[in-house]
Amino acid sequence: LKEGAIVIDVGINRVPVLDEEGRPVLDEKGRPKFQIVGDVEFEKAKEICSYITPVPGGVGPLTTALLLRNTVECAKLQKTSLT
């Protein structure tokens, strides 16, 4: 990464949560815990970049909103073409 870069991280990855010794952390039912991360190592990149989108919660809500807007627009166009 270049100093001052803007990073828009759209990756969604599910990785295991590990303890200090590198062993998987288990939930109350004995299943491995997971966390959602992006494609960029956030903690390292935030020291270099001027801005970085977080994962989760970065561009996901915007993507969902635009998809819904486009769906509504398509429904309106379809309705007017049928009348």
Protein backbone atom coordinates (compact mmCIF):
# COMPACT_ATOMS: atom_id res chain seq x y z
CA LEU A 1 0.00 0.00 0.00
CA LYS A 2 1.11 3.54 -0.70
CA GLU A 3 1.17 6.05 2.12
CA GLY A 4 -2.12 7.96 2.17
CA ALA A 5 -3.99 5.50 -0.06
CA ILE A 6 -7.75 5.06 0.26
CA VAL A 7 -8.72 1.40 0.64
CA ILE A 8 -12.26 0.20 -0.04
CA ASP A 9 -12.30 -3.36 1.29
CA VAL A 10 -15.22 -5.34 -0.12
CA GLY A 11 -13.89 -8.79 0.77
CA ILE A 12 -15.82 -10.96 3.21
CA ASN A 13 -13.91 -13.82 4.82
CA ARG A 14 -14.80 -16.05 7.76
CA VAL A 15 -11.71 -16.96 9.81
CA PRO A 16 -11.37 -18.86 13.09
CA VAL A 17 -10.80 -16.96 16.33
CA LEU A 18 -7.56 -18.21 17.90
CA ASP A 19 -6.22 -17.94 21.45
CA GLU A 20 -2.70 -16.73 22.34
CA GLU A 21 -1.29 -20.19 21.61
CA GLY A 22 -2.94 -20.43 18.19
CA ARG A 23 -5.67 -22.86 19.22
CA PRO A 24 -9.29 -22.34 18.11
CA VAL A 25 -11.52 -20.57 20.63
CA LEU A 26 -14.72 -22.54 21.23
CA ASP A 27 -18.23 -21.26 21.89
CA GLU A 28 -20.50 -22.50 24.70
CA LYS A 29 -21.49 -25.52 22.58
CA GLY A 30 -17.89 -26.52 21.86
CA ARG A 31 -17.89 -25.26 18.27
CA PRO A 32 -15.07 -23.09 16.91
CA LYS A 33 -15.77 -19.35 16.93
CA PHE A 34 -15.31 -17.37 13.74
CA GLN A 35 -14.95 -13.69 12.87
CA ILE A 36 -15.69 -11.82 9.66
CA VAL A 37 -12.75 -9.94 8.14
CA GLY A 38 -11.96 -8.28 4.84
CA ASP A 39 -9.18 -8.94 2.33
CA VAL A 40 -6.90 -6.28 3.84
CA GLU A 41 -5.06 -6.62 7.16
CA PHE A 42 -7.00 -3.77 8.76
CA GLU A 43 -4.72 -3.11 11.76
CA LYS A 44 -1.60 -2.80 9.57
CA ALA A 45 -3.30 -0.91 6.74
CA LYS A 46 -4.91 1.73 8.99
CA GLU A 47 -1.43 2.96 9.92
CA ILE A 48 -0.55 3.57 6.26
CA CYS A 49 -3.82 4.57 4.60
CA SER A 50 -5.60 7.89 4.84
CA TYR A 51 -8.92 5.98 4.92
CA ILE A 52 -9.99 2.33 4.99
CA THR A 53 -13.48 0.87 5.07
CA PRO A 54 -14.11 -1.56 7.93
CA VAL A 55 -15.36 -5.13 7.52
CA PRO A 56 -18.02 -5.84 8.56
CA GLY A 57 -20.08 -2.67 8.28
CA GLY A 58 -18.14 -0.78 5.62
CA VAL A 59 -19.57 -0.91 2.11
CA GLY A 60 -22.04 -3.74 2.83
CA PRO A 61 -24.93 -1.53 3.99
CA LEU A 62 -24.45 0.74 0.95
CA THR A 63 -24.42 -2.26 -1.38
CA THR A 64 -27.65 -3.54 0.18
CA ALA A 65 -29.35 -0.14 -0.07
CA LEU A 66 -28.41 0.29 -3.74
CA LEU A 67 -29.52 -3.25 -4.58
CA LEU A 68 -32.89 -2.60 -2.94
CA ARG A 69 -33.23 0.74 -4.77
CA ASN A 70 -32.51 -0.95 -8.10
CA THR A 71 -35.02 -3.71 -7.32
CA VAL A 72 -37.75 -1.15 -6.59
CA GLU A 73 -36.88 0.80 -9.75
CA CYS A 74 -37.09 -2.38 -11.84
CA ALA A 75 -40.48 -3.23 -10.33
CA LYS A 76 -41.77 0.27 -11.17
CA LEU A 77 -40.50 0.03 -14.75
CA GLN A 78 -42.03 -3.40 -15.16
CA LYS A 79 -45.38 -2.21 -13.82
CA THR A 80 -45.51 0.78 -16.21
CA SER A 81 -44.57 -1.38 -19.22
CA LEU A 82 -47.44 -3.78 -18.48
CA THR A 83 -50.12 -1.06 -18.47
